[in-house]
Amino acid sequence: MSMLAFLGTQELLIVAVIALVLFGGNQIPKLARNLGKAQKELQQGLAEGQAAADARSEKDSGTEEE
């Protein structure tokens, strides 16, 4: 389930207005860009961690079969 699934249109509009007031119009694109980069890096890190865990799992299960 999406994290923002419980927010309706009015709530999202209020959050957008608050963000605009707090960060200013010039900072919003920079903030969104940085959040996007952070999300991408997090997903890459999770994928690398999962791959390492899978490799370790396959290595461990391979030694048990011998």
Foldseek 3Di string as FASTA:
>chain_A
DDPCPVDDPVRVVVVVVVCCVVQNPVCVVVVVVVVVVVVVVVVVVVVVVVVVVVVVVVVVVVVVVD
